[in-house]
Amino acid sequence: MSINEYVVKLAEVLAQSEEYKAFVAAKENLKKNKANEEMLDSFRKRQFELQMAELAGYEVNEEERDQLEKEYQLLSLNPEINEYLNAEYRFSLIMSDIQGAITGAVPEWFDFTPTIPGQGAPCLQ
């Protein structure tokens, strides 16, 4: 079997997994209620902005972090949103396992630090 055939088989197995089916069903259920979908989208945008600020080296106010956590707890009380978040999490664990298995199997592919040509020093931009 070629690598491409294995990739196709993996994709088929993923698409037929209970975790993926539960995720799709929860997503479809969430989309039935625009208010729930908008609340989750709004939360995700703020969560993303906070994470990007942290990655960019900005100090994130503890109050902002606490507010986001409180909002997450409130969203989790909503059955449709909670079902979606749980299904998304379960499927993301599978995707993470796949990524980890690939990374572990071919570590040289991921072991790369760009260097400044002719100097051998790390190129940090």
N, C-alpha and C. Protein backbone atom coordinates (compact mmCIF):
# COMPACT_ATOMS: atom_id res chain seq x y z
N MET A 1 0.85 -1.18 0.00
CA MET A 1 0.00 0.00 0.00
C MET A 1 0.89 1.25 0.00
N SER A 2 0.56 2.23 -0.81
CA SER A 2 1.34 3.46 -0.86
C SER A 2 0.94 4.38 0.29
N ILE A 3 1.79 5.37 0.53
CA ILE A 3 1.49 6.35 1.59
C ILE A 3 0.16 7.04 1.31
N ASN A 4 -0.07 7.42 0.07
CA ASN A 4 -1.33 8.09 -0.28
C ASN A 4 -2.53 7.21 0.02
N GLU A 5 -2.40 5.92 -0.22
CA GLU A 5 -3.50 5.01 0.08
C GLU A 5 -3.76 4.94 1.59
N TYR A 6 -2.68 4.96 2.37
CA TYR A 6 -2.84 4.98 3.83
C TYR A 6 -3.50 6.28 4.29
N VAL A 7 -3.11 7.39 3.67
CA VAL A 7 -3.70 8.69 4.01
C VAL A 7 -5.20 8.67 3.72
N VAL A 8 -5.58 8.17 2.57
CA VAL A 8 -7.00 8.08 2.21
C VAL A 8 -7.73 7.19 3.20
N LYS A 9 -7.12 6.07 3.58
CA LYS A 9 -7.74 5.15 4.53
C LYS A 9 -7.90 5.82 5.89
N LEU A 10 -6.88 6.55 6.34
CA LEU A 10 -6.97 7.26 7.61
C LEU A 10 -8.11 8.28 7.57
N ALA A 11 -8.21 9.02 6.47
CA ALA A 11 -9.28 10.00 6.33
C ALA A 11 -10.65 9.33 6.39
N GLU A 12 -10.78 8.19 5.75
CA GLU A 12 -12.05 7.46 5.77
C GLU A 12 -12.39 6.98 7.18
N VAL A 13 -11.39 6.46 7.88
CA VAL A 13 -11.60 5.98 9.25
C VAL A 13 -11.99 7.14 10.15
N LEU A 14 -11.31 8.28 9.99
CA LEU A 14 -11.66 9.47 10.79
C LEU A 14 -13.11 9.89 10.53
N ALA A 15 -13.48 9.95 9.27
CA ALA A 15 -14.83 10.39 8.91
C ALA A 15 -15.90 9.45 9.45
N GLN A 16 -15.56 8.19 9.64
CA GLN A 16 -16.52 7.21 10.15
C GLN A 16 -16.45 7.02 11.67
N SER A 17 -15.52 7.70 12.32
CA SER A 17 -15.35 7.53 13.77
C SER A 17 -16.55 8.11 14.53
N GLU A 18 -16.84 7.51 15.66
CA GLU A 18 -17.93 7.99 16.51
C GLU A 18 -17.66 9.42 16.97
N GLU A 19 -16.39 9.72 17.25
CA GLU A 19 -16.03 11.06 17.72
C GLU A 19 -16.32 12.11 16.66
N TYR A 20 -15.98 11.81 15.41
CA TYR A 20 -16.24 12.78 14.35
C TYR A 20 -17.74 12.93 14.10
N LYS A 21 -18.44 11.81 14.07
CA LYS A 21 -19.89 11.87 13.86
C LYS A 21 -20.57 12.67 14.97
N ALA A 22 -20.12 12.48 16.22
CA ALA A 22 -20.69 13.23 17.34
C ALA A 22 -20.38 14.72 17.19
N PHE A 23 -19.16 15.04 16.74
CA PHE A 23 -18.77 16.43 16.53
C PHE A 23 -19.65 17.08 15.46
N VAL A 24 -19.84 16.41 14.34
CA VAL A 24 -20.66 16.95 13.25
C VAL A 24 -22.10 17.14 13.72
N ALA A 25 -22.64 16.16 14.44
CA ALA A 25 -24.01 16.27 14.94
C ALA A 25 -24.15 17.43 15.92
N ALA A 26 -23.17 17.59 16.80
CA ALA A 26 -23.21 18.68 17.78
C ALA A 26 -23.09 20.03 17.08
N LYS A 27 -22.27 20.10 16.04
CA LYS A 27 -22.11 21.34 15.29
C LYS A 27 -23.40 21.70 14.56
N GLU A 28 -24.03 20.71 13.95
CA GLU A 28 -25.31 20.96 13.26
C GLU A 28 -26.38 21.40 14.26
N ASN A 29 -26.39 20.78 15.42
CA ASN A 29 -27.35 21.14 16.46
C ASN A 29 -27.11 22.58 16.94
N LEU A 30 -25.85 22.94 17.10
CA LEU A 30 -25.49 24.29 17.54
C LEU A 30 -25.95 25.33 16.53
N LYS A 31 -25.80 25.03 15.25
CA LYS A 31 -26.17 25.98 14.19
C LYS A 31 -27.67 26.22 14.09
N LYS A 32 -28.46 25.37 14.71
CA LYS A 32 -29.91 25.55 14.69
C LYS A 32 -30.34 26.76 15.51
N ASN A 33 -29.49 27.17 16.44
CA ASN A 33 -29.80 28.29 17.30
C ASN A 33 -28.75 29.38 17.07
N LYS A 34 -29.13 30.40 16.30
CA LYS A 34 -28.19 31.48 15.93
C LYS A 34 -27.59 32.17 17.16
N ALA A 35 -28.39 32.35 18.19
CA ALA A 35 -27.90 33.04 19.39
C ALA A 35 -26.76 32.24 20.03
N ASN A 36 -26.94 30.92 20.12
CA ASN A 36 -25.89 30.07 20.69
C ASN A 36 -24.63 30.12 19.83
N GLU A 37 -24.83 30.04 18.52
CA GLU A 37 -23.70 30.07 17.59
C GLU A 37 -22.94 31.40 17.71
N GLU A 38 -23.67 32.50 17.81
CA GLU A 38 -23.04 33.82 17.93
C GLU A 38 -22.33 33.98 19.26
N MET A 39 -22.93 33.46 20.34
CA MET A 39 -22.27 33.55 21.65
C MET A 39 -20.93 32.80 21.63
N LEU A 40 -20.94 31.61 21.07
CA LEU A 40 -19.71 30.82 21.01
C LEU A 40 -18.68 31.49 20.09
N ASP A 41 -19.12 32.01 18.95
CA ASP A 41 -18.21 32.70 18.04
C ASP A 41 -17.57 33.91 18.72
N SER A 42 -18.37 34.67 19.43
CA SER A 42 -17.87 35.85 20.13
C SER A 42 -16.84 35.46 21.18
N PHE A 43 -17.14 34.40 21.92
CA PHE A 43 -16.20 33.90 22.93
C PHE A 43 -14.90 33.47 22.27
N ARG A 44 -15.01 32.72 21.19
CA ARG A 44 -13.82 32.21 20.50
C ARG A 44 -12.95 33.35 19.97
N LYS A 45 -13.57 34.41 19.49
CA LYS A 45 -12.80 35.55 19.00
C LYS A 45 -12.00 36.19 20.13
N ARG A 46 -12.65 36.39 21.28
CA ARG A 46 -11.94 36.97 22.42
C ARG A 46 -10.84 36.03 22.92
N GLN A 47 -11.12 34.75 22.93
CA GLN A 47 -10.12 33.75 23.34
C GLN A 47 -8.91 33.80 22.39
N PHE A 48 -9.16 33.86 21.10
CA PHE A 48 -8.10 33.92 20.10
C PHE A 48 -7.28 35.20 20.27
N GLU A 49 -7.94 36.33 20.46
CA GLU A 49 -7.24 37.60 20.64
C GLU A 49 -6.33 37.56 21.86
N LEU A 50 -6.82 36.98 22.94
CA LEU A 50 -6.03 36.86 24.17
C LEU A 50 -4.81 35.97 23.93
N GLN A 51 -5.00 34.86 23.26
CA GLN A 51 -3.89 33.95 22.97
C GLN A 51 -2.86 34.61 22.05
N MET A 52 -3.32 35.34 21.05
CA MET A 52 -2.40 36.02 20.13
C MET A 52 -1.61 37.11 20.85
N ALA A 53 -2.26 37.82 21.76
CA ALA A 53 -1.57 38.84 22.54
C ALA A 53 -0.47 38.20 23.38
N GLU A 54 -0.79 37.07 24.01
CA GLU A 54 0.21 36.37 24.82
C GLU A 54 1.38 35.89 23.96
N LEU A 55 1.07 35.33 22.80
CA LEU A 55 2.13 34.84 21.90
C LEU A 55 3.00 35.98 21.38
N ALA A 56 2.41 37.16 21.24
CA ALA A 56 3.15 38.33 20.76
C ALA A 56 3.99 38.96 21.87
N GLY A 57 3.87 38.42 23.09
CA GLY A 57 4.68 38.91 24.19
C GLY A 57 4.02 39.97 25.04
N TYR A 58 2.77 40.26 24.78
CA TYR A 58 2.06 41.24 25.60
C TYR A 58 1.62 40.60 26.90
N GLU A 59 1.67 41.39 27.95
CA GLU A 59 1.21 40.89 29.24
C GLU A 59 -0.31 40.99 29.27
N VAL A 60 -0.93 39.87 29.55
CA VAL A 60 -2.39 39.82 29.58
C VAL A 60 -2.86 40.05 31.00
N ASN A 61 -3.75 40.97 31.12
CA ASN A 61 -4.34 41.34 32.39
C ASN A 61 -5.07 40.13 32.99
N GLU A 62 -4.83 39.86 34.26
CA GLU A 62 -5.46 38.72 34.94
C GLU A 62 -6.98 38.85 34.95
N GLU A 63 -7.45 40.07 35.00
CA GLU A 63 -8.89 40.32 34.97
C GLU A 63 -9.51 39.84 33.65
N GLU A 64 -8.80 40.09 32.55
CA GLU A 64 -9.28 39.63 31.24
C GLU A 64 -9.35 38.10 31.20
N ARG A 65 -8.31 37.48 31.73
CA ARG A 65 -8.26 36.01 31.75
C ARG A 65 -9.40 35.45 32.61
N ASP A 66 -9.63 36.06 33.76
CA ASP A 66 -10.71 35.62 34.65
C ASP A 66 -12.07 35.80 33.99
N GLN A 67 -12.25 36.93 33.30
CA GLN A 67 -13.51 37.19 32.61
C GLN A 67 -13.78 36.14 31.54
N LEU A 68 -12.75 35.78 30.81
CA LEU A 68 -12.89 34.76 29.78
C LEU A 68 -13.24 33.41 30.40
N GLU A 69 -12.63 33.08 31.51
CA GLU A 69 -12.93 31.82 32.21
C GLU A 69 -14.37 31.80 32.70
N LYS A 70 -14.83 32.91 33.24
CA LYS A 70 -16.23 32.99 33.70
C LYS A 70 -17.19 32.83 32.52
N GLU A 71 -16.85 33.45 31.42
CA GLU A 71 -17.70 33.34 30.23
C GLU A 71 -17.74 31.90 29.74
N TYR A 72 -16.60 31.22 29.78
CA TYR A 72 -16.56 29.81 29.37
C TYR A 72 -17.46 28.97 30.28
N GLN A 73 -17.40 29.22 31.57
CA GLN A 73 -18.24 28.47 32.52
C GLN A 73 -19.72 28.71 32.24
N LEU A 74 -20.08 29.95 31.93
CA LEU A 74 -21.47 30.25 31.60
C LEU A 74 -21.90 29.56 30.30
N LEU A 75 -21.04 29.61 29.29
CA LEU A 75 -21.35 28.95 28.03
C LEU A 75 -21.53 27.44 28.23
N SER A 76 -20.74 26.88 29.11
CA SER A 76 -20.80 25.44 29.37
C SER A 76 -22.11 25.02 30.02
N LEU A 77 -22.83 25.96 30.60
CA LEU A 77 -24.13 25.65 31.20
C LEU A 77 -25.21 25.47 30.13
N ASN A 78 -24.95 25.98 28.95
CA ASN A 78 -25.89 25.84 27.84
C ASN A 78 -25.71 24.43 27.25
N PRO A 79 -26.75 23.59 27.27
CA PRO A 79 -26.60 22.19 26.83
C PRO A 79 -26.07 22.02 25.41
N GLU A 80 -26.55 22.84 24.46
CA GLU A 80 -26.09 22.70 23.08
C GLU A 80 -24.63 23.11 22.92
N ILE A 81 -24.26 24.20 23.57
CA ILE A 81 -22.87 24.66 23.49
C ILE A 81 -21.96 23.67 24.20
N ASN A 82 -22.38 23.19 25.35
CA ASN A 82 -21.58 22.22 26.10
C ASN A 82 -21.39 20.93 25.31
N GLU A 83 -22.45 20.47 24.67
CA GLU A 83 -22.36 19.26 23.84
C GLU A 83 -21.34 19.47 22.72
N TYR A 84 -21.40 20.64 22.08
CA TYR A 84 -20.47 20.95 21.00
C TYR A 84 -19.03 21.01 21.51
N LEU A 85 -18.81 21.72 22.61
CA LEU A 85 -17.45 21.86 23.15
C LEU A 85 -16.87 20.50 23.53
N ASN A 86 -17.68 19.65 24.13
CA ASN A 86 -17.20 18.32 24.52
C ASN A 86 -16.89 17.46 23.30
N ALA A 87 -17.76 17.50 22.29
CA ALA A 87 -17.53 16.72 21.08
C ALA A 87 -16.29 17.23 20.34
N GLU A 88 -16.14 18.53 20.29
CA GLU A 88 -14.97 19.13 19.65
C GLU A 88 -13.70 18.69 20.37
N TYR A 89 -13.74 18.71 21.68
CA TYR A 89 -12.58 18.31 22.48
C TYR A 89 -12.21 16.85 22.23
N ARG A 90 -13.21 15.96 22.25
CA ARG A 90 -12.94 14.54 22.03
C ARG A 90 -12.33 14.30 20.65
N PHE A 91 -12.84 14.98 19.63
CA PHE A 91 -12.27 14.80 18.29
C PHE A 91 -10.88 15.43 18.21
N SER A 92 -10.68 16.55 18.88
CA SER A 92 -9.36 17.19 18.85
C SER A 92 -8.30 16.30 19.50
N LEU A 93 -8.68 15.48 20.47
CA LEU A 93 -7.73 14.55 21.08
C LEU A 93 -7.24 13.52 20.05
N ILE A 94 -8.16 13.05 19.21
CA ILE A 94 -7.78 12.10 18.16
C ILE A 94 -6.83 12.78 17.17
N MET A 95 -7.16 13.99 16.75
CA MET A 95 -6.31 14.71 15.80
C MET A 95 -4.93 14.97 16.41
N SER A 96 -4.90 15.28 17.69
CA SER A 96 -3.63 15.50 18.39
C SER A 96 -2.82 14.21 18.46
N ASP A 97 -3.48 13.10 18.72
CA ASP A 97 -2.79 11.80 18.74
C ASP A 97 -2.17 11.49 17.39
N ILE A 98 -2.90 11.77 16.33
CA ILE A 98 -2.39 11.53 14.97
C ILE A 98 -1.17 12.40 14.71
N GLN A 99 -1.29 13.67 15.06
CA GLN A 99 -0.16 14.58 14.85
C GLN A 99 1.04 14.14 15.67
N GLY A 100 0.81 13.73 16.92
CA GLY A 100 1.90 13.25 17.76
C GLY A 100 2.56 12.01 17.21
N ALA A 101 1.76 11.09 16.69
CA ALA A 101 2.32 9.87 16.11
C ALA A 101 3.18 10.18 14.89
N ILE A 102 2.73 11.10 14.06
CA ILE A 102 3.50 11.48 12.87
C ILE A 102 4.78 12.19 13.28
N THR A 103 4.67 13.12 14.19
CA THR A 103 5.84 13.86 14.66
C THR A 103 6.86 12.91 15.28
N GLY A 104 6.39 11.95 16.06
CA GLY A 104 7.29 10.99 16.69
C GLY A 104 7.95 10.06 15.69
N ALA A 105 7.26 9.75 14.61
CA ALA A 105 7.79 8.82 13.61
C ALA A 105 8.82 9.46 12.69
N VAL A 106 8.71 10.77 12.48
CA VAL A 106 9.64 11.46 11.57
C VAL A 106 10.19 12.72 12.24
N PRO A 107 10.91 12.56 13.34
CA PRO A 107 11.35 13.73 14.12
C PRO A 107 12.27 14.68 13.35
N GLU A 108 13.03 14.15 12.41
CA GLU A 108 13.95 15.01 11.66
C GLU A 108 13.21 16.05 10.83
N TRP A 109 12.01 15.73 10.41
CA TRP A 109 11.22 16.67 9.61
C TRP A 109 10.87 17.90 10.44
N PHE A 110 10.67 17.72 11.73
CA PHE A 110 10.23 18.81 12.60
C PHE A 110 11.38 19.46 13.36
N ASP A 111 12.57 18.91 13.24
CA ASP A 111 13.73 19.42 13.96
C ASP A 111 14.48 20.39 13.05
N PHE A 112 13.96 21.61 12.98
CA PHE A 112 14.55 22.58 12.07
C PHE A 112 14.58 23.95 12.72
N THR A 113 15.77 24.53 12.80
CA THR A 113 15.92 25.89 13.27
C THR A 113 16.61 26.67 12.15
N PRO A 114 15.90 27.64 11.55
CA PRO A 114 16.53 28.41 10.47
C PRO A 114 17.80 29.10 10.96
N THR A 115 18.80 29.14 10.13
CA THR A 115 20.05 29.81 10.50
C THR A 115 20.36 30.92 9.51
N ILE A 116 21.19 31.84 9.96
CA ILE A 116 21.65 32.92 9.10
C ILE A 116 22.70 32.33 8.16
N PRO A 117 22.51 32.46 6.86
CA PRO A 117 23.46 31.86 5.91
C PRO A 117 24.90 32.28 6.18
N GLY A 118 25.80 31.29 6.22
CA GLY A 118 27.23 31.55 6.40
C GLY A 118 27.64 31.77 7.84
N GLN A 119 26.68 31.88 8.77
CA GLN A 119 27.04 32.16 10.16
C GLN A 119 26.67 31.02 11.10
N GLY A 120 25.70 30.22 10.71
CA GLY A 120 25.29 29.11 11.58
C GLY A 120 24.51 29.55 12.80
N ALA A 121 24.29 30.85 12.94
CA ALA A 121 23.55 31.35 14.10
C ALA A 121 22.05 31.28 13.82
N PRO A 122 21.26 31.05 14.87
CA PRO A 122 19.80 31.01 14.66
C PRO A 122 19.29 32.30 14.06
N CYS A 123 18.38 32.18 13.16
CA CYS A 123 17.74 33.32 12.51
C CYS A 123 16.42 33.57 13.23
N LEU A 124 16.39 34.52 14.13
CA LEU A 124 15.18 34.82 14.90
C LEU A 124 14.59 36.13 14.43
N GLN A 125 13.50 36.04 13.76
CA GLN A 125 12.87 37.26 13.25
C GLN A 125 11.60 37.53 13.98
